[in-house]
Amino acid sequence: MPIYAYRCGSCGFEKDVLQKMSDAPLTACPECNAETFSKQLTAPGFQLKGNGWYATDFKGGPKAAAPKSDNPPPCQGGTGSCACN
């Protein structure tokens, strides 16, 4: 079950609440009983670890460029600057 951060718009009371995703959001502040208790937008608290798709495909920044060759690319049979035209 996820943990949601709530904050009261009236008194500023803050609380983290463990709720099911299907539960209705809380609206009544437990401190001042005002109906201004609402969910806050927070950063997720997880990290991807290990050597799965995350580490092999996305971790570590951009890939190194392929080494350049002195040989031109093979002719593709179209127009342009090809050595075989």
PDB file of N, CA and C in Angstrom:
ATOM      1  N   MET A   1       0.848  -1.183   0.000  1.00  0.00           N
ATOM      2  CA  MET A   1       0.000   0.000   0.000  1.00  0.00           C
ATOM      3  C   MET A   1       0.893   1.247   0.000  1.00  0.00           C
ATOM      4  N   PRO A   2       0.512   2.248  -0.752  1.00  0.00           N
ATOM      5  CA  PRO A   2       1.318   3.474  -0.791  1.00  0.00           C
ATOM      6  C   PRO A   2       1.099   4.361   0.433  1.00  0.00           C
ATOM      7  N   ILE A   3       2.089   5.189   0.682  1.00  0.00           N
ATOM      8  CA  ILE A   3       2.011   6.176   1.756  1.00  0.00           C
ATOM      9  C   ILE A   3       1.784   7.535   1.109  1.00  0.00           C
ATOM     10  N   TYR A   4       0.727   8.225   1.507  1.00  0.00           N
ATOM     11  CA  TYR A   4       0.389   9.531   0.954  1.00  0.00           C
ATOM     12  C   TYR A   4       0.706  10.615   1.977  1.00  0.00           C
ATOM     13  N   ALA A   5       1.239  11.731   1.498  1.00  0.00           N
ATOM     14  CA  ALA A   5       1.499  12.889   2.350  1.00  0.00           C
ATOM     15  C   ALA A   5       0.285  13.810   2.265  1.00  0.00           C
ATOM     16  N   TYR A   6      -0.225  14.201   3.423  1.00  0.00           N
ATOM     17  CA  TYR A   6      -1.376  15.109   3.511  1.00  0.00           C
ATOM     18  C   TYR A   6      -0.958  16.381   4.225  1.00  0.00           C
ATOM     19  N   ARG A   7      -1.637  17.474   3.903  1.00  0.00           N
ATOM     20  CA  ARG A   7      -1.388  18.760   4.565  1.00  0.00           C
ATOM     21  C   ARG A   7      -2.705  19.516   4.669  1.00  0.00           C
ATOM     22  N   CYS A   8      -2.910  20.166   5.811  1.00  0.00           N
ATOM     23  CA  CYS A   8      -4.110  20.970   6.030  1.00  0.00           C
ATOM     24  C   CYS A   8      -3.863  22.378   5.504  1.00  0.00           C
ATOM     25  N   GLY A   9      -4.780  22.885   4.702  1.00  0.00           N
ATOM     26  CA  GLY A   9      -4.676  24.231   4.173  1.00  0.00           C
ATOM     27  C   GLY A   9      -5.001  25.304   5.200  1.00  0.00           C
ATOM     28  N   SER A  10      -5.655  24.930   6.290  1.00  0.00           N
ATOM     29  CA  SER A  10      -6.030  25.906   7.328  1.00  0.00           C
ATOM     30  C   SER A  10      -4.951  26.070   8.400  1.00  0.00           C
ATOM     31  N   CYS A  11      -4.570  24.961   9.019  1.00  0.00           N
ATOM     32  CA  CYS A  11      -3.626  25.050  10.145  1.00  0.00           C
ATOM     33  C   CYS A  11      -2.204  24.637   9.792  1.00  0.00           C
ATOM     34  N   GLY A  12      -1.997  24.008   8.613  1.00  0.00           N
ATOM     35  CA  GLY A  12      -0.654  23.605   8.192  1.00  0.00           C
ATOM     36  C   GLY A  12      -0.203  22.258   8.729  1.00  0.00           C
ATOM     37  N   PHE A  13      -1.076  21.531   9.429  1.00  0.00           N
ATOM     38  CA  PHE A  13      -0.738  20.214   9.969  1.00  0.00           C
ATOM     39  C   PHE A  13      -0.392  19.262   8.824  1.00  0.00           C
ATOM     40  N   GLU A  14       0.705  18.491   8.984  1.00  0.00           N
ATOM     41  CA  GLU A  14       1.136  17.533   7.964  1.00  0.00           C
ATOM     42  C   GLU A  14       1.173  16.135   8.549  1.00  0.00           C
ATOM     43  N   LYS A  15       0.793  15.145   7.718  1.00  0.00           N
ATOM     44  CA  LYS A  15       0.777  13.767   8.182  1.00  0.00           C
ATOM     45  C   LYS A  15       0.933  12.835   6.988  1.00  0.00           C
ATOM     46  N   ASP A  16       1.701  11.747   7.163  1.00  0.00           N
ATOM     47  CA  ASP A  16       1.811  10.689   6.167  1.00  0.00           C
ATOM     48  C   ASP A  16       0.826   9.590   6.533  1.00  0.00           C
ATOM     49  N   VAL A  17       0.041   9.141   5.549  1.00  0.00           N
ATOM     50  CA  VAL A  17      -1.027   8.174   5.799  1.00  0.00           C
ATOM     51  C   VAL A  17      -0.859   6.976   4.867  1.00  0.00           C
ATOM     52  N   LEU A  18      -0.887   5.768   5.445  1.00  0.00           N
ATOM     53  CA  LEU A  18      -0.834   4.531   4.678  1.00  0.00           C
ATOM     54  C   LEU A  18      -2.265   4.198   4.246  1.00  0.00           C
ATOM     55  N   GLN A  19      -2.505   4.214   2.918  1.00  0.00           N
ATOM     56  CA  GLN A  19      -3.854   3.978   2.390  1.00  0.00           C
ATOM     57  C   GLN A  19      -3.793   3.070   1.177  1.00  0.00           C
ATOM     58  N   LYS A  20      -4.886   2.367   0.943  1.00  0.00           N
ATOM     59  CA  LYS A  20      -5.042   1.632  -0.313  1.00  0.00           C
ATOM     60  C   LYS A  20      -5.258   2.636  -1.434  1.00  0.00           C
ATOM     61  N   MET A  21      -4.896   2.266  -2.646  1.00  0.00           N
ATOM     62  CA  MET A  21      -5.103   3.155  -3.792  1.00  0.00           C
ATOM     63  C   MET A  21      -6.588   3.370  -4.044  1.00  0.00           C
ATOM     64  N   SER A  22      -7.415   2.403  -3.656  1.00  0.00           N
ATOM     65  CA  SER A  22      -8.858   2.507  -3.883  1.00  0.00           C
ATOM     66  C   SER A  22      -9.572   3.295  -2.783  1.00  0.00           C
ATOM     67  N   ASP A  23      -8.896   3.609  -1.681  1.00  0.00           N
ATOM     68  CA  ASP A  23      -9.519   4.386  -0.602  1.00  0.00           C
ATOM     69  C   ASP A  23      -9.783   5.819  -1.043  1.00  0.00           C
ATOM     70  N   ALA A  24     -10.855   6.384  -0.533  1.00  0.00           N
ATOM     71  CA  ALA A  24     -11.169   7.788  -0.820  1.00  0.00           C
ATOM     72  C   ALA A  24     -10.158   8.689  -0.109  1.00  0.00           C
ATOM     73  N   PRO A  25      -9.791   9.813  -0.730  1.00  0.00           N
ATOM     74  CA  PRO A  25      -8.845  10.720  -0.070  1.00  0.00           C
ATOM     75  C   PRO A  25      -9.443  11.320   1.196  1.00  0.00           C
ATOM     76  N   LEU A  26      -8.574  11.573   2.179  1.00  0.00           N
ATOM     77  CA  LEU A  26      -9.026  12.197   3.420  1.00  0.00           C
ATOM     78  C   LEU A  26      -9.270  13.678   3.171  1.00  0.00           C
ATOM     79  N   THR A  27     -10.265  14.239   3.839  1.00  0.00           N
ATOM     80  CA  THR A  27     -10.566  15.666   3.673  1.00  0.00           C
ATOM     81  C   THR A  27     -10.607  16.415   4.998  1.00  0.00           C
ATOM     82  N   ALA A  28     -10.893  15.720   6.111  1.00  0.00           N
ATOM     83  CA  ALA A  28     -10.999  16.374   7.414  1.00  0.00           C
ATOM     84  C   ALA A  28      -9.650  16.321   8.129  1.00  0.00           C
ATOM     85  N   CYS A  29      -9.166  17.466   8.551  1.00  0.00           N
ATOM     86  CA  CYS A  29      -7.899  17.569   9.277  1.00  0.00           C
ATOM     87  C   CYS A  29      -8.067  16.978  10.677  1.00  0.00           C
ATOM     88  N   PRO A  30      -7.161  16.068  11.103  1.00  0.00           N
ATOM     89  CA  PRO A  30      -7.280  15.497  12.447  1.00  0.00           C
ATOM     90  C   PRO A  30      -6.940  16.495  13.564  1.00  0.00           C
ATOM     91  N   GLU A  31      -6.302  17.610  13.254  1.00  0.00           N
ATOM     92  CA  GLU A  31      -5.943  18.608  14.265  1.00  0.00           C
ATOM     93  C   GLU A  31      -7.035  19.651  14.473  1.00  0.00           C
ATOM     94  N   CYS A  32      -7.463  20.299  13.370  1.00  0.00           N
ATOM     95  CA  CYS A  32      -8.419  21.405  13.504  1.00  0.00           C
ATOM     96  C   CYS A  32      -9.815  21.076  12.980  1.00  0.00           C
ATOM     97  N   ASN A  33      -9.995  19.870  12.424  1.00  0.00           N
ATOM     98  CA  ASN A  33     -11.273  19.383  11.884  1.00  0.00           C
ATOM     99  C   ASN A  33     -11.792  20.184  10.686  1.00  0.00           C
ATOM    100  N   ALA A  34     -10.954  21.010  10.085  1.00  0.00           N
ATOM    101  CA  ALA A  34     -11.360  21.735   8.873  1.00  0.00           C
ATOM    102  C   ALA A  34     -11.364  20.771   7.694  1.00  0.00           C
ATOM    103  N   GLU A  35     -12.160  21.045   6.701  1.00  0.00           N
ATOM    104  CA  GLU A  35     -12.259  20.202   5.506  1.00  0.00           C
ATOM    105  C   GLU A  35     -11.245  20.624   4.441  1.00  0.00           C
ATOM    106  N   THR A  36     -10.045  20.991   4.868  1.00  0.00           N
ATOM    107  CA  THR A  36      -9.007  21.448   3.928  1.00  0.00           C
ATOM    108  C   THR A  36      -7.783  20.539   3.954  1.00  0.00           C
ATOM    109  N   PHE A  37      -7.951  19.284   4.362  1.00  0.00           N
ATOM    110  CA  PHE A  37      -6.872  18.297   4.406  1.00  0.00           C
ATOM    111  C   PHE A  37      -6.758  17.686   3.020  1.00  0.00           C
ATOM    112  N   SER A  38      -5.602  17.795   2.374  1.00  0.00           N
ATOM    113  CA  SER A  38      -5.480  17.298   0.998  1.00  0.00           C
ATOM    114  C   SER A  38      -4.131  16.626   0.768  1.00  0.00           C
ATOM    115  N   LYS A  39      -4.099  15.760  -0.255  1.00  0.00           N
ATOM    116  CA  LYS A  39      -2.870  15.059  -0.634  1.00  0.00           C
ATOM    117  C   LYS A  39      -1.872  16.048  -1.223  1.00  0.00           C
ATOM    118  N   GLN A  40      -0.602  15.782  -0.935  1.00  0.00           N
ATOM    119  CA  GLN A  40       0.478  16.601  -1.474  1.00  0.00           C
ATOM    120  C   GLN A  40       1.212  15.817  -2.545  1.00  0.00           C
ATOM    121  N   LEU A  41       1.774  16.513  -3.500  1.00  0.00           N
ATOM    122  CA  LEU A  41       2.571  15.885  -4.544  1.00  0.00           C
ATOM    123  C   LEU A  41       3.981  15.691  -4.005  1.00  0.00           C
ATOM    124  N   THR A  42       4.446  14.447  -3.958  1.00  0.00           N
ATOM    125  CA  THR A  42       5.769  14.145  -3.423  1.00  0.00           C
ATOM    126  C   THR A  42       6.538  13.280  -4.410  1.00  0.00           C
ATOM    127  N   ALA A  43       7.847  13.239  -4.250  1.00  0.00           N
ATOM    128  CA  ALA A  43       8.700  12.399  -5.096  1.00  0.00           C
ATOM    129  C   ALA A  43       8.592  10.944  -4.640  1.00  0.00           C
ATOM    130  N   PRO A  44       8.626  10.007  -5.579  1.00  0.00           N
ATOM    131  CA  PRO A  44       8.568   8.599  -5.189  1.00  0.00           C
ATOM    132  C   PRO A  44       9.835   8.201  -4.438  1.00  0.00           C
ATOM    133  N   GLY A  45       9.697   7.299  -3.499  1.00  0.00           N
ATOM    134  CA  GLY A  45      10.833   6.875  -2.693  1.00  0.00           C
ATOM    135  C   GLY A  45      11.327   5.494  -3.062  1.00  0.00           C
ATOM    136  N   PHE A  46      11.789   5.295  -4.283  1.00  0.00           N
ATOM    137  CA  PHE A  46      12.335   4.005  -4.660  1.00  0.00           C
ATOM    138  C   PHE A  46      13.516   4.206  -5.604  1.00  0.00           C
ATOM    139  N   GLN A  47      14.367   3.188  -5.673  1.00  0.00           N
ATOM    140  CA  GLN A  47      15.504   3.208  -6.586  1.00  0.00           C
ATOM    141  C   GLN A  47      15.538   1.892  -7.334  1.00  0.00           C
ATOM    142  N   LEU A  48      15.939   1.953  -8.583  1.00  0.00           N
ATOM    143  CA  LEU A  48      16.111   0.742  -9.369  1.00  0.00           C
ATOM    144  C   LEU A  48      17.550   0.292  -9.191  1.00  0.00           C
ATOM    145  N   LYS A  49      17.745  -0.930  -8.717  1.00  0.00           N
ATOM    146  CA  LYS A  49      19.087  -1.459  -8.465  1.00  0.00           C
ATOM    147  C   LYS A  49      19.249  -2.785  -9.168  1.00  0.00           C
ATOM    148  N   GLY A  50      20.471  -3.223  -9.286  1.00  0.00           N
ATOM    149  CA  GLY A  50      20.741  -4.518  -9.894  1.00  0.00           C
ATOM    150  C   GLY A  50      21.291  -4.362 -11.292  1.00  0.00           C
ATOM    151  N   ASN A  51      21.284  -5.461 -12.041  1.00  0.00           N
ATOM    152  CA  ASN A  51      21.849  -5.429 -13.386  1.00  0.00           C
ATOM    153  C   ASN A  51      20.822  -5.813 -14.438  1.00  0.00           C
ATOM    154  N   GLY A  52      19.583  -5.405 -14.265  1.00  0.00           N
ATOM    155  CA  GLY A  52      18.519  -5.686 -15.230  1.00  0.00           C
ATOM    156  C   GLY A  52      18.468  -4.636 -16.319  1.00  0.00           C
ATOM    157  N   TRP A  53      17.309  -4.476 -16.923  1.00  0.00           N
ATOM    158  CA  TRP A  53      17.145  -3.554 -18.056  1.00  0.00           C
ATOM    159  C   TRP A  53      17.518  -2.127 -17.692  1.00  0.00           C
ATOM    160  N   TYR A  54      17.272  -1.710 -16.449  1.00  0.00           N
ATOM    161  CA  TYR A  54      17.585  -0.323 -16.047  1.00  0.00           C
ATOM    162  C   TYR A  54      19.082  -0.072 -16.131  1.00  0.00           C
ATOM    163  N   ALA A  55      19.877  -0.967 -15.585  1.00  0.00           N
ATOM    164  CA  ALA A  55      21.327  -0.774 -15.560  1.00  0.00           C
ATOM    165  C   ALA A  55      21.935  -0.901 -16.953  1.00  0.00           C
ATOM    166  N   THR A  56      21.417  -1.803 -17.762  1.00  0.00           N
ATOM    167  CA  THR A  56      22.024  -2.024 -19.072  1.00  0.00           C
ATOM    168  C   THR A  56      21.555  -1.027 -20.122  1.00  0.00           C
ATOM    169  N   ASP A  57      20.335  -0.501 -20.008  1.00  0.00           N
ATOM    170  CA  ASP A  57      19.797   0.353 -21.061  1.00  0.00           C
ATOM    171  C   ASP A  57      19.793   1.842 -20.730  1.00  0.00           C
ATOM    172  N   PHE A  58      19.671   2.213 -19.463  1.00  0.00           N
ATOM    173  CA  PHE A  58      19.485   3.620 -19.140  1.00  0.00           C
ATOM    174  C   PHE A  58      20.513   4.198 -18.170  1.00  0.00           C
ATOM    175  N   LYS A  59      21.149   3.392 -17.385  1.00  0.00           N
ATOM    176  CA  LYS A  59      22.073   3.882 -16.367  1.00  0.00           C
ATOM    177  C   LYS A  59      23.426   4.218 -16.991  1.00  0.00           C
ATOM    178  N   GLY A  60      24.046   5.298 -16.572  1.00  0.00           N
ATOM    179  CA  GLY A  60      25.408   5.590 -16.998  1.00  0.00           C
ATOM    180  C   GLY A  60      25.530   6.639 -18.086  1.00  0.00           C
ATOM    181  N   GLY A  61      24.460   7.276 -18.474  1.00  0.00           N
ATOM    182  CA  GLY A  61      24.549   8.360 -19.450  1.00  0.00           C
ATOM    183  C   GLY A  61      24.574   7.878 -20.882  1.00  0.00           C
ATOM    184  N   PRO A  62      24.977   8.765 -21.801  1.00  0.00           N
ATOM    185  CA  PRO A  62      24.946   8.424 -23.223  1.00  0.00           C
ATOM    186  C   PRO A  62      26.010   7.395 -23.588  1.00  0.00           C
ATOM    187  N   LYS A  63      25.724   6.631 -24.619  1.00  0.00           N
ATOM    188  CA  LYS A  63      26.644   5.608 -25.108  1.00  0.00           C
ATOM    189  C   LYS A  63      27.778   6.264 -25.889  1.00  0.00           C
ATOM    190  N   ALA A  64      28.929   5.634 -25.897  1.00  0.00           N
ATOM    191  CA  ALA A  64      30.081   6.134 -26.657  1.00  0.00           C
ATOM    192  C   ALA A  64      29.820   5.947 -28.147  1.00  0.00           C
ATOM    193  N   ALA A  65      30.296   6.885 -28.941  1.00  0.00           N
ATOM    194  CA  ALA A  65      30.117   6.804 -30.393  1.00  0.00           C
ATOM    195  C   ALA A  65      30.997   5.701 -30.962  1.00  0.00           C
ATOM    196  N   ALA A  66      30.544   5.100 -32.057  1.00  0.00           N
ATOM    197  CA  ALA A  66      31.320   4.058 -32.724  1.00  0.00           C
ATOM    198  C   ALA A  66      32.574   4.679 -33.327  1.00  0.00           C
ATOM    199  N   PRO A  67      33.687   3.947 -33.330  1.00  0.00           N
ATOM    200  CA  PRO A  67      34.917   4.503 -33.911  1.00  0.00           C
ATOM    201  C   PRO A  67      34.746   4.758 -35.398  1.00  0.00           C
ATOM    202  N   LYS A  68      35.350   5.867 -35.872  1.00  0.00           N
ATOM    203  CA  LYS A  68      35.244   6.215 -37.289  1.00  0.00           C
ATOM    204  C   LYS A  68      36.194   5.358 -38.120  1.00  0.00           C
ATOM    205  N   SER A  69      35.766   5.062 -39.315  1.00  0.00           N
ATOM    206  CA  SER A  69      36.564   4.245 -40.228  1.00  0.00           C
ATOM    207  C   SER A  69      37.061   5.113 -41.378  1.00  0.00           C
ATOM    208  N   ASP A  70      38.230   4.751 -41.938  1.00  0.00           N
ATOM    209  CA  ASP A  70      38.767   5.464 -43.094  1.00  0.00           C
ATOM    210  C   ASP A  70      38.042   5.075 -44.371  1.00  0.00           C
ATOM    211  N   ASN A  71      37.336   3.965 -44.361  1.00  0.00           N
ATOM    212  CA  ASN A  71      36.619   3.498 -45.550  1.00  0.00           C
ATOM    213  C   ASN A  71      35.250   4.167 -45.612  1.00  0.00           C
ATOM    214  N   PRO A  72      34.840   4.652 -46.813  1.00  0.00           N
ATOM    215  CA  PRO A  72      33.503   5.237 -46.935  1.00  0.00           C
ATOM    216  C   PRO A  72      32.446   4.147 -46.810  1.00  0.00           C
ATOM    217  N   PRO A  73      31.216   4.521 -46.459  1.00  0.00           N
ATOM    218  CA  PRO A  73      30.150   3.522 -46.358  1.00  0.00           C
ATOM    219  C   PRO A  73      29.852   2.925 -47.724  1.00  0.00           C
ATOM    220  N   PRO A  74      29.346   1.689 -47.775  1.00  0.00           N
ATOM    221  CA  PRO A  74      29.037   1.071 -49.064  1.00  0.00           C
ATOM    222  C   PRO A  74      27.959   1.838 -49.810  1.00  0.00           C
ATOM    223  N   CYS A  75      27.959   1.707 -51.133  1.00  0.00           N
ATOM    224  CA  CYS A  75      26.988   2.396 -51.982  1.00  0.00           C
ATOM    225  C   CYS A  75      25.594   1.844 -51.707  1.00  0.00           C
ATOM    226  N   GLN A  76      24.627   2.756 -51.596  1.00  0.00           N
ATOM    227  CA  GLN A  76      23.255   2.360 -51.317  1.00  0.00           C
ATOM    228  C   GLN A  76      22.406   2.345 -52.576  1.00  0.00           C
ATOM    229  N   GLY A  77      22.994   2.616 -53.732  1.00  0.00           N
ATOM    230  CA  GLY A  77      22.263   2.548 -55.007  1.00  0.00           C
ATOM    231  C   GLY A  77      21.382   3.750 -55.253  1.00  0.00           C
ATOM    232  N   GLY A  78      21.556   4.835 -54.582  1.00  0.00           N
ATOM    233  CA  GLY A  78      20.748   6.025 -54.779  1.00  0.00           C
ATOM    234  C   GLY A  78      21.581   7.155 -55.357  1.00  0.00           C
ATOM    235  N   THR A  79      21.055   8.357 -55.334  1.00  0.00           N
ATOM    236  CA  THR A  79      21.816   9.490 -55.820  1.00  0.00           C
ATOM    237  C   THR A  79      22.609  10.084 -54.672  1.00  0.00           C
ATOM    238  N   GLY A  80      23.632  10.813 -54.982  1.00  0.00           N
ATOM    239  CA  GLY A  80      24.460  11.425 -53.964  1.00  0.00           C
ATOM    240  C   GLY A  80      25.928  11.207 -54.238  1.00  0.00           C
ATOM    241  N   SER A  81      26.757  11.476 -53.257  1.00  0.00           N
ATOM    242  CA  SER A  81      28.206  11.368 -53.455  1.00  0.00           C
ATOM    243  C   SER A  81      28.674   9.968 -53.071  1.00  0.00           C
ATOM    244  N   CYS A  82      28.511   9.049 -53.986  1.00  0.00           N
ATOM    245  CA  CYS A  82      28.947   7.676 -53.801  1.00  0.00           C
ATOM    246  C   CYS A  82      30.140   7.431 -54.719  1.00  0.00           C
ATOM    247  N   ALA A  83      31.133   6.699 -54.242  1.00  0.00           N
ATOM    248  CA  ALA A  83      32.345   6.447 -55.030  1.00  0.00           C
ATOM    249  C   ALA A  83      32.072   5.624 -56.267  1.00  0.00           C
ATOM    250  N   CYS A  84      30.977   4.910 -56.324  1.00  0.00           N
ATOM    251  CA  CYS A  84      30.714   4.051 -57.475  1.00  0.00           C
ATOM    252  C   CYS A  84      29.852   4.749 -58.530  1.00  0.00           C
ATOM    253  N   ASN A  85      29.490   6.020 -58.372  1.00  0.00           N
ATOM    254  CA  ASN A  85      28.685   6.739 -59.361  1.00  0.00           C
ATOM    255  C   ASN A  85      29.552   7.350 -60.417  1.00  0.00           C
TER     256      ASN A  85
END
